[in-house]
mmCIF file of all heavy atoms, coordinates in Angstrom:
data_MODEL
# 
_entry.id   MODEL 
# 
loop_
_atom_site.group_PDB 
_atom_site.id 
_atom_site.type_symbol 
_atom_site.label_atom_id 
_atom_site.label_alt_id 
_atom_site.label_comp_id 
_atom_site.label_asym_id 
_atom_site.label_entity_id 
_atom_site.label_seq_id 
_atom_site.pdbx_PDB_ins_code 
_atom_site.Cartn_x 
_atom_site.Cartn_y 
_atom_site.Cartn_z 
_atom_site.occupancy 
_atom_site.B_iso_or_equiv 
_atom_site.pdbx_formal_charge 
_atom_site.auth_seq_id 
_atom_site.auth_comp_id 
_atom_site.auth_asym_id 
_atom_site.auth_atom_id 
_atom_site.pdbx_PDB_model_num 
ATOM 1   N N   . LEU A 1 1  ? 0.838  -1.213 -0.002  1.00 0.00 ? 1  LEU A N   1 
ATOM 2   C CA  . LEU A 1 1  ? 0.008  -0.013 -0.009  1.00 0.00 ? 1  LEU A CA  1 
ATOM 3   C C   . LEU A 1 1  ? 0.862  1.242  -0.003  1.00 0.00 ? 1  LEU A C   1 
ATOM 4   O O   . LEU A 1 1  ? 0.590  2.234  -0.716  1.00 0.00 ? 1  LEU A O   1 
ATOM 5   C CB  . LEU A 1 1  ? -0.911 0.016  1.243   1.00 0.00 ? 1  LEU A CB  1 
ATOM 6   C CG  . LEU A 1 1  ? -1.834 -1.195 1.447   1.00 0.00 ? 1  LEU A CG  1 
ATOM 7   C CD1 . LEU A 1 1  ? -2.596 -1.023 2.757   1.00 0.00 ? 1  LEU A CD1 1 
ATOM 8   C CD2 . LEU A 1 1  ? -2.792 -1.368 0.315   1.00 0.00 ? 1  LEU A CD2 1 
ATOM 9   N N   . THR A 1 2  ? 1.952  1.204  0.810   1.00 0.00 ? 2  THR A N   1 
ATOM 10  C CA  . THR A 1 2  ? 2.808  2.353  0.947   1.00 0.00 ? 2  THR A CA  1 
ATOM 11  C C   . THR A 1 2  ? 3.407  2.787  -0.379  1.00 0.00 ? 2  THR A C   1 
ATOM 12  O O   . THR A 1 2  ? 3.380  3.971  -0.741  1.00 0.00 ? 2  THR A O   1 
ATOM 13  C CB  . THR A 1 2  ? 3.957  2.016  1.917   1.00 0.00 ? 2  THR A CB  1 
ATOM 14  O OG1 . THR A 1 2  ? 3.405  1.757  3.212   1.00 0.00 ? 2  THR A OG1 1 
ATOM 15  C CG2 . THR A 1 2  ? 4.972  3.128  2.002   1.00 0.00 ? 2  THR A CG2 1 
ATOM 16  N N   . ALA A 1 3  ? 3.982  1.821  -1.094  1.00 0.00 ? 3  ALA A N   1 
ATOM 17  C CA  . ALA A 1 3  ? 4.627  2.121  -2.384  1.00 0.00 ? 3  ALA A CA  1 
ATOM 18  C C   . ALA A 1 3  ? 3.607  2.707  -3.363  1.00 0.00 ? 3  ALA A C   1 
ATOM 19  O O   . ALA A 1 3  ? 3.886  3.684  -4.087  1.00 0.00 ? 3  ALA A O   1 
ATOM 20  C CB  . ALA A 1 3  ? 5.278  0.861  -2.935  1.00 0.00 ? 3  ALA A CB  1 
ATOM 21  N N   . ASP A 1 4  ? 2.432  2.108  -3.375  1.00 0.00 ? 4  ASP A N   1 
ATOM 22  C CA  . ASP A 1 4  ? 1.402  2.563  -4.317  1.00 0.00 ? 4  ASP A CA  1 
ATOM 23  C C   . ASP A 1 4  ? 0.926  3.957  -3.915  1.00 0.00 ? 4  ASP A C   1 
ATOM 24  O O   . ASP A 1 4  ? 0.706  4.821  -4.766  1.00 0.00 ? 4  ASP A O   1 
ATOM 25  C CB  . ASP A 1 4  ? 0.229  1.558  -4.268  1.00 0.00 ? 4  ASP A CB  1 
ATOM 26  C CG  . ASP A 1 4  ? -0.824 1.863  -5.313  1.00 0.00 ? 4  ASP A CG  1 
ATOM 27  O OD1 . ASP A 1 4  ? -0.527 1.787  -6.505  1.00 0.00 ? 4  ASP A OD1 1 
ATOM 28  O OD2 . ASP A 1 4  ? -1.964 2.198  -4.906  1.00 0.00 ? 4  ASP A OD2 1 
ATOM 29  N N   . ALA A 1 5  ? 0.780  4.186  -2.601  1.00 0.00 ? 5  ALA A N   1 
ATOM 30  C CA  . ALA A 1 5  ? 0.277  5.486  -2.109  1.00 0.00 ? 5  ALA A CA  1 
ATOM 31  C C   . ALA A 1 5  ? 1.254  6.602  -2.413  1.00 0.00 ? 5  ALA A C   1 
ATOM 32  O O   . ALA A 1 5  ? 0.852  7.709  -2.803  1.00 0.00 ? 5  ALA A O   1 
ATOM 33  C CB  . ALA A 1 5  ? -0.015 5.409  -0.616  1.00 0.00 ? 5  ALA A CB  1 
ATOM 34  N N   . PHE A 1 6  ? 2.541  6.343  -2.239  1.00 0.00 ? 6  PHE A N   1 
ATOM 35  C CA  . PHE A 1 6  ? 3.521  7.400  -2.482  1.00 0.00 ? 6  PHE A CA  1 
ATOM 36  C C   . PHE A 1 6  ? 3.545  7.792  -3.972  1.00 0.00 ? 6  PHE A C   1 
ATOM 37  O O   . PHE A 1 6  ? 3.809  8.949  -4.307  1.00 0.00 ? 6  PHE A O   1 
ATOM 38  C CB  . PHE A 1 6  ? 4.906  7.005  -2.022  1.00 0.00 ? 6  PHE A CB  1 
ATOM 39  C CG  . PHE A 1 6  ? 5.851  8.170  -1.995  1.00 0.00 ? 6  PHE A CG  1 
ATOM 40  C CD1 . PHE A 1 6  ? 5.686  9.209  -1.097  1.00 0.00 ? 6  PHE A CD1 1 
ATOM 41  C CD2 . PHE A 1 6  ? 6.936  8.227  -2.850  1.00 0.00 ? 6  PHE A CD2 1 
ATOM 42  C CE1 . PHE A 1 6  ? 6.555  10.303 -1.066  1.00 0.00 ? 6  PHE A CE1 1 
ATOM 43  C CE2 . PHE A 1 6  ? 7.818  9.328  -2.847  1.00 0.00 ? 6  PHE A CE2 1 
ATOM 44  C CZ  . PHE A 1 6  ? 7.628  10.335 -1.932  1.00 0.00 ? 6  PHE A CZ  1 
ATOM 45  N N   . GLU A 1 7  ? 3.254  6.832  -4.820  1.00 0.00 ? 7  GLU A N   1 
ATOM 46  C CA  . GLU A 1 7  ? 3.199  7.129  -6.264  1.00 0.00 ? 7  GLU A CA  1 
ATOM 47  C C   . GLU A 1 7  ? 2.031  8.068  -6.565  1.00 0.00 ? 7  GLU A C   1 
ATOM 48  O O   . GLU A 1 7  ? 2.031  8.763  -7.561  1.00 0.00 ? 7  GLU A O   1 
ATOM 49  C CB  . GLU A 1 7  ? 3.096  5.867  -7.090  1.00 0.00 ? 7  GLU A CB  1 
ATOM 50  C CG  . GLU A 1 7  ? 4.420  5.090  -7.138  1.00 0.00 ? 7  GLU A CG  1 
ATOM 51  C CD  . GLU A 1 7  ? 4.445  3.988  -8.182  1.00 0.00 ? 7  GLU A CD  1 
ATOM 52  O OE1 . GLU A 1 7  ? 3.364  3.699  -8.785  1.00 0.00 ? 7  GLU A OE1 1 
ATOM 53  O OE2 . GLU A 1 7  ? 5.517  3.399  -8.385  1.00 0.00 ? 7  GLU A OE2 1 
ATOM 54  N N   . THR A 1 8  ? 1.037  8.112  -5.672  1.00 0.00 ? 8  THR A N   1 
ATOM 55  C CA  . THR A 1 8  ? -0.042 9.088  -5.819  1.00 0.00 ? 8  THR A CA  1 
ATOM 56  C C   . THR A 1 8  ? 0.493  10.476 -5.740  1.00 0.00 ? 8  THR A C   1 
ATOM 57  O O   . THR A 1 8  ? 0.094  11.415 -6.453  1.00 0.00 ? 8  THR A O   1 
ATOM 58  C CB  . THR A 1 8  ? -1.118 8.882  -4.722  1.00 0.00 ? 8  THR A CB  1 
ATOM 59  O OG1 . THR A 1 8  ? -1.426 7.515  -4.608  1.00 0.00 ? 8  THR A OG1 1 
ATOM 60  C CG2 . THR A 1 8  ? -2.392 9.657  -5.065  1.00 0.00 ? 8  THR A CG2 1 
ATOM 61  N N   . PHE A 1 9  ? 1.439  10.694 -4.805  1.00 0.00 ? 9  PHE A N   1 
ATOM 62  C CA  . PHE A 1 9  ? 2.091  12.001 -4.664  1.00 0.00 ? 9  PHE A CA  1 
ATOM 63  C C   . PHE A 1 9  ? 2.965  12.305 -5.877  1.00 0.00 ? 9  PHE A C   1 
ATOM 64  O O   . PHE A 1 9  ? 2.922  13.416 -6.436  1.00 0.00 ? 9  PHE A O   1 
ATOM 65  C CB  . PHE A 1 9  ? 2.938  12.052 -3.388  1.00 0.00 ? 9  PHE A CB  1 
ATOM 66  C CG  . PHE A 1 9  ? 2.143  12.220 -2.140  1.00 0.00 ? 9  PHE A CG  1 
ATOM 67  C CD1 . PHE A 1 9  ? 1.670  11.112 -1.429  1.00 0.00 ? 9  PHE A CD1 1 
ATOM 68  C CD2 . PHE A 1 9  ? 1.821  13.485 -1.651  1.00 0.00 ? 9  PHE A CD2 1 
ATOM 69  C CE1 . PHE A 1 9  ? 0.931  11.290 -0.243  1.00 0.00 ? 9  PHE A CE1 1 
ATOM 70  C CE2 . PHE A 1 9  ? 1.093  13.660 -0.472  1.00 0.00 ? 9  PHE A CE2 1 
ATOM 71  C CZ  . PHE A 1 9  ? 0.643  12.531 0.212   1.00 0.00 ? 9  PHE A CZ  1 
ATOM 72  N N   . THR A 1 10 ? 3.807  11.341 -6.255  1.00 0.00 ? 10 THR A N   1 
ATOM 73  C CA  . THR A 1 10 ? 4.737  11.615 -7.370  1.00 0.00 ? 10 THR A CA  1 
ATOM 74  C C   . THR A 1 10 ? 4.029  11.761 -8.703  1.00 0.00 ? 10 THR A C   1 
ATOM 75  O O   . THR A 1 10 ? 4.523  12.405 -9.597  1.00 0.00 ? 10 THR A O   1 
ATOM 76  C CB  . THR A 1 10 ? 5.781  10.484 -7.439  1.00 0.00 ? 10 THR A CB  1 
ATOM 77  O OG1 . THR A 1 10 ? 5.138  9.206  -7.614  1.00 0.00 ? 10 THR A OG1 1 
ATOM 78  C CG2 . THR A 1 10 ? 6.635  10.455 -6.182  1.00 0.00 ? 10 THR A CG2 1 
ATOM 79  N N   . GLU A 1 11 ? 2.846  11.147 -8.829  1.00 0.00 ? 11 GLU A N   1 
ATOM 80  C CA  . GLU A 1 11 ? 2.048  11.339 -10.046 1.00 0.00 ? 11 GLU A CA  1 
ATOM 81  C C   . GLU A 1 11 ? 1.396  12.707 -10.047 1.00 0.00 ? 11 GLU A C   1 
ATOM 82  O O   . GLU A 1 11 ? 0.935  13.165 -11.081 1.00 0.00 ? 11 GLU A O   1 
ATOM 83  C CB  . GLU A 1 11 ? 0.958  10.254 -10.138 1.00 0.00 ? 11 GLU A CB  1 
ATOM 84  C CG  . GLU A 1 11 ? 1.520  8.844  -10.438 1.00 0.00 ? 11 GLU A CG  1 
ATOM 85  C CD  . GLU A 1 11 ? 0.495  7.743  -10.152 1.00 0.00 ? 11 GLU A CD  1 
ATOM 86  O OE1 . GLU A 1 11 ? -0.661 8.105  -9.747  1.00 0.00 ? 11 GLU A OE1 1 
ATOM 87  O OE2 . GLU A 1 11 ? 0.834  6.550  -10.285 1.00 0.00 ? 11 GLU A OE2 1 
ATOM 88  N N   . GLY A 1 12 ? 1.298  13.316 -8.876  1.00 0.00 ? 12 GLY A N   1 
ATOM 89  C CA  . GLY A 1 12 ? 0.700  14.657 -8.771  1.00 0.00 ? 12 GLY A CA  1 
ATOM 90  C C   . GLY A 1 12 ? 1.799  15.713 -8.790  1.00 0.00 ? 12 GLY A C   1 
ATOM 91  O O   . GLY A 1 12 ? 2.683  15.710 -9.644  1.00 0.00 ? 12 GLY A O   1 
ATOM 92  N N   . LYS A 1 13 ? 1.733  16.593 -7.790  1.00 0.00 ? 13 LYS A N   1 
ATOM 93  C CA  . LYS A 1 13 ? 2.679  17.714 -7.772  1.00 0.00 ? 13 LYS A CA  1 
ATOM 94  C C   . LYS A 1 13 ? 3.915  17.409 -6.910  1.00 0.00 ? 13 LYS A C   1 
ATOM 95  O O   . LYS A 1 13 ? 4.743  18.291 -6.650  1.00 0.00 ? 13 LYS A O   1 
ATOM 96  C CB  . LYS A 1 13 ? 1.999  18.958 -7.237  1.00 0.00 ? 13 LYS A CB  1 
ATOM 97  C CG  . LYS A 1 13 ? 0.845  19.437 -8.122  1.00 0.00 ? 13 LYS A CG  1 
ATOM 98  C CD  . LYS A 1 13 ? 0.136  20.637 -7.500  1.00 0.00 ? 13 LYS A CD  1 
ATOM 99  C CE  . LYS A 1 13 ? -1.015 21.104 -8.354  1.00 0.00 ? 13 LYS A CE  1 
ATOM 100 N NZ  . LYS A 1 13 ? -1.768 22.246 -7.759  1.00 0.00 ? 13 LYS A NZ  1 
ATOM 101 N N   . GLY A 1 14 ? 4.060  16.184 -6.434  1.00 0.00 ? 14 GLY A N   1 
ATOM 102 C CA  . GLY A 1 14 ? 5.215  15.817 -5.635  1.00 0.00 ? 14 GLY A CA  1 
ATOM 103 C C   . GLY A 1 14 ? 4.864  15.478 -4.213  1.00 0.00 ? 14 GLY A C   1 
ATOM 104 O O   . GLY A 1 14 ? 3.671  15.483 -3.816  1.00 0.00 ? 14 GLY A O   1 
ATOM 105 N N   . PRO A 1 15 ? 5.858  15.166 -3.382  1.00 0.00 ? 15 PRO A N   1 
ATOM 106 C CA  . PRO A 1 15 ? 5.632  14.691 -2.015  1.00 0.00 ? 15 PRO A CA  1 
ATOM 107 C C   . PRO A 1 15 ? 4.822  15.628 -1.128  1.00 0.00 ? 15 PRO A C   1 
ATOM 108 O O   . PRO A 1 15 ? 4.234  15.178 -0.154  1.00 0.00 ? 15 PRO A O   1 
ATOM 109 C CB  . PRO A 1 15 ? 7.040  14.498 -1.464  1.00 0.00 ? 15 PRO A CB  1 
ATOM 110 C CG  . PRO A 1 15 ? 7.905  14.295 -2.650  1.00 0.00 ? 15 PRO A CG  1 
ATOM 111 C CD  . PRO A 1 15 ? 7.296  15.163 -3.708  1.00 0.00 ? 15 PRO A CD  1 
ATOM 112 N N   . TYR A 1 16 ? 4.802  16.906 -1.475  1.00 0.00 ? 16 TYR A N   1 
ATOM 113 C CA  . TYR A 1 16 ? 4.077  17.876 -0.630  1.00 0.00 ? 16 TYR A CA  1 
ATOM 114 C C   . TYR A 1 16 ? 2.830  18.413 -1.319  1.00 0.00 ? 16 TYR A C   1 
ATOM 115 O O   . TYR A 1 16 ? 2.360  19.520 -1.012  1.00 0.00 ? 16 TYR A O   1 
ATOM 116 C CB  . TYR A 1 16 ? 5.033  18.984 -0.205  1.00 0.00 ? 16 TYR A CB  1 
ATOM 117 C CG  . TYR A 1 16 ? 6.175  18.458 0.606   1.00 0.00 ? 16 TYR A CG  1 
ATOM 118 C CD1 . TYR A 1 16 ? 7.392  18.123 0.016   1.00 0.00 ? 16 TYR A CD1 1 
ATOM 119 C CD2 . TYR A 1 16 ? 6.068  18.236 1.973   1.00 0.00 ? 16 TYR A CD2 1 
ATOM 120 C CE1 . TYR A 1 16 ? 8.465  17.620 0.757   1.00 0.00 ? 16 TYR A CE1 1 
ATOM 121 C CE2 . TYR A 1 16 ? 7.111  17.714 2.726   1.00 0.00 ? 16 TYR A CE2 1 
ATOM 122 C CZ  . TYR A 1 16 ? 8.303  17.392 2.095   1.00 0.00 ? 16 TYR A CZ  1 
ATOM 123 O OH  . TYR A 1 16 ? 9.325  16.879 2.861   1.00 0.00 ? 16 TYR A OH  1 
ATOM 124 N N   . ASP A 1 17 ? 2.273  17.593 -2.230  1.00 0.00 ? 17 ASP A N   1 
ATOM 125 C CA  . ASP A 1 17 ? 1.036  17.954 -2.922  1.00 0.00 ? 17 ASP A CA  1 
ATOM 126 C C   . ASP A 1 17 ? -0.068 18.081 -1.882  1.00 0.00 ? 17 ASP A C   1 
ATOM 127 O O   . ASP A 1 17 ? -0.487 17.109 -1.263  1.00 0.00 ? 17 ASP A O   1 
ATOM 128 C CB  . ASP A 1 17 ? 0.713  16.889 -3.957  1.00 0.00 ? 17 ASP A CB  1 
ATOM 129 C CG  . ASP A 1 17 ? -0.468 17.258 -4.861  1.00 0.00 ? 17 ASP A CG  1 
ATOM 130 O OD1 . ASP A 1 17 ? -1.443 17.851 -4.344  1.00 0.00 ? 17 ASP A OD1 1 
ATOM 131 O OD2 . ASP A 1 17 ? -0.400 16.946 -6.077  1.00 0.00 ? 17 ASP A OD2 1 
ATOM 132 N N   . ALA A 1 18 ? -0.586 19.298 -1.688  1.00 0.00 ? 18 ALA A N   1 
ATOM 133 C CA  . ALA A 1 18 ? -1.556 19.571 -0.626  1.00 0.00 ? 18 ALA A CA  1 
ATOM 134 C C   . ALA A 1 18 ? -2.857 18.810 -0.845  1.00 0.00 ? 18 ALA A C   1 
ATOM 135 O O   . ALA A 1 18 ? -3.484 18.339 0.144   1.00 0.00 ? 18 ALA A O   1 
ATOM 136 C CB  . ALA A 1 18 ? -1.820 21.065 -0.531  1.00 0.00 ? 18 ALA A CB  1 
ATOM 137 N N   . ALA A 1 19 ? -3.288 18.671 -2.099  1.00 0.00 ? 19 ALA A N   1 
ATOM 138 C CA  . ALA A 1 19 ? -4.562 18.006 -2.371  1.00 0.00 ? 19 ALA A CA  1 
ATOM 139 C C   . ALA A 1 19 ? -4.468 16.499 -2.049  1.00 0.00 ? 19 ALA A C   1 
ATOM 140 O O   . ALA A 1 19 ? -5.386 15.925 -1.455  1.00 0.00 ? 19 ALA A O   1 
ATOM 141 C CB  . ALA A 1 19 ? -4.952 18.195 -3.859  1.00 0.00 ? 19 ALA A CB  1 
ATOM 142 N N   . VAL A 1 20 ? -3.350 15.901 -2.422  1.00 0.00 ? 20 VAL A N   1 
ATOM 143 C CA  . VAL A 1 20 ? -3.154 14.470 -2.128  1.00 0.00 ? 20 VAL A CA  1 
ATOM 144 C C   . VAL A 1 20 ? -3.025 14.274 -0.601  1.00 0.00 ? 20 VAL A C   1 
ATOM 145 O O   . VAL A 1 20 ? -3.571 13.335 -0.039  1.00 0.00 ? 20 VAL A O   1 
ATOM 146 C CB  . VAL A 1 20 ? -1.932 13.905 -2.873  1.00 0.00 ? 20 VAL A CB  1 
ATOM 147 C CG1 . VAL A 1 20 ? -1.708 12.433 -2.516  1.00 0.00 ? 20 VAL A CG1 1 
ATOM 148 C CG2 . VAL A 1 20 ? -2.111 14.082 -4.377  1.00 0.00 ? 20 VAL A CG2 1 
ATOM 149 N N   . ALA A 1 21 ? -2.283 15.184 0.052   1.00 0.00 ? 21 ALA A N   1 
ATOM 150 C CA  . ALA A 1 21 ? -2.119 15.073 1.495   1.00 0.00 ? 21 ALA A CA  1 
ATOM 151 C C   . ALA A 1 21 ? -3.449 15.164 2.214   1.00 0.00 ? 21 ALA A C   1 
ATOM 152 O O   . ALA A 1 21 ? -3.709 14.466 3.204   1.00 0.00 ? 21 ALA A O   1 
ATOM 153 C CB  . ALA A 1 21 ? -1.179 16.171 1.999   1.00 0.00 ? 21 ALA A CB  1 
ATOM 154 N N   . GLU A 1 22 ? -4.327 16.034 1.732   1.00 0.00 ? 22 GLU A N   1 
ATOM 155 C CA  . GLU A 1 22 ? -5.643 16.152 2.349   1.00 0.00 ? 22 GLU A CA  1 
ATOM 156 C C   . GLU A 1 22 ? -6.484 14.892 2.162   1.00 0.00 ? 22 GLU A C   1 
ATOM 157 O O   . GLU A 1 22 ? -7.173 14.440 3.053   1.00 0.00 ? 22 GLU A O   1 
ATOM 158 C CB  . GLU A 1 22 ? -6.389 17.379 1.757   1.00 0.00 ? 22 GLU A CB  1 
ATOM 159 C CG  . GLU A 1 22 ? -7.817 17.545 2.223   1.00 0.00 ? 22 GLU A CG  1 
ATOM 160 C CD  . GLU A 1 22 ? -7.973 17.664 3.735   1.00 0.00 ? 22 GLU A CD  1 
ATOM 161 O OE1 . GLU A 1 22 ? -6.999 18.018 4.418   1.00 0.00 ? 22 GLU A OE1 1 
ATOM 162 O OE2 . GLU A 1 22 ? -9.082 17.382 4.239   1.00 0.00 ? 22 GLU A OE2 1 
ATOM 163 N N   . ARG A 1 23 ? -6.383 14.269 0.969   1.00 0.00 ? 23 ARG A N   1 
ATOM 164 C CA  . ARG A 1 23 ? -7.088 12.982 0.751   1.00 0.00 ? 23 ARG A CA  1 
ATOM 165 C C   . ARG A 1 23 ? -6.520 11.910 1.686   1.00 0.00 ? 23 ARG A C   1 
ATOM 166 O O   . ARG A 1 23 ? -7.297 11.098 2.207   1.00 0.00 ? 23 ARG A O   1 
ATOM 167 C CB  . ARG A 1 23 ? -6.941 12.532 -0.689  1.00 0.00 ? 23 ARG A CB  1 
ATOM 168 C CG  . ARG A 1 23 ? -7.723 13.322 -1.710  1.00 0.00 ? 23 ARG A CG  1 
ATOM 169 C CD  . ARG A 1 23 ? -8.139 12.470 -2.935  1.00 0.00 ? 23 ARG A CD  1 
ATOM 170 N NE  . ARG A 1 23 ? -7.074 11.683 -3.484  1.00 0.00 ? 23 ARG A NE  1 
ATOM 171 C CZ  . ARG A 1 23 ? -6.199 12.094 -4.398  1.00 0.00 ? 23 ARG A CZ  1 
ATOM 172 N NH1 . ARG A 1 23 ? -6.223 13.345 -4.807  1.00 0.00 ? 23 ARG A NH1 1 
ATOM 173 N NH2 . ARG A 1 23 ? -5.282 11.268 -4.864  1.00 0.00 ? 23 ARG A NH2 1 
ATOM 174 N N   . LEU A 1 24 ? -5.222 11.937 1.873   1.00 0.00 ? 24 LEU A N   1 
ATOM 175 C CA  . LEU A 1 24 ? -4.597 10.962 2.776   1.00 0.00 ? 24 LEU A CA  1 
ATOM 176 C C   . LEU A 1 24 ? -5.062 11.157 4.196   1.00 0.00 ? 24 LEU A C   1 
ATOM 177 O O   . LEU A 1 24 ? -5.403 10.204 4.894   1.00 0.00 ? 24 LEU A O   1 
ATOM 178 C CB  . LEU A 1 24 ? -3.084 11.114 2.691   1.00 0.00 ? 24 LEU A CB  1 
ATOM 179 C CG  . LEU A 1 24 ? -2.238 10.141 3.521   1.00 0.00 ? 24 LEU A CG  1 
ATOM 180 C CD1 . LEU A 1 24 ? -2.331 8.731  2.950   1.00 0.00 ? 24 LEU A CD1 1 
ATOM 181 C CD2 . LEU A 1 24 ? -0.774 10.589 3.561   1.00 0.00 ? 24 LEU A CD2 1 
# 
């Protein structure tokens, strides 16, 4: 899950993508 979830950030605006962080 971890590896897949971090790719959500990298597919977006990067590790500090605010929208992805809020979904998380």
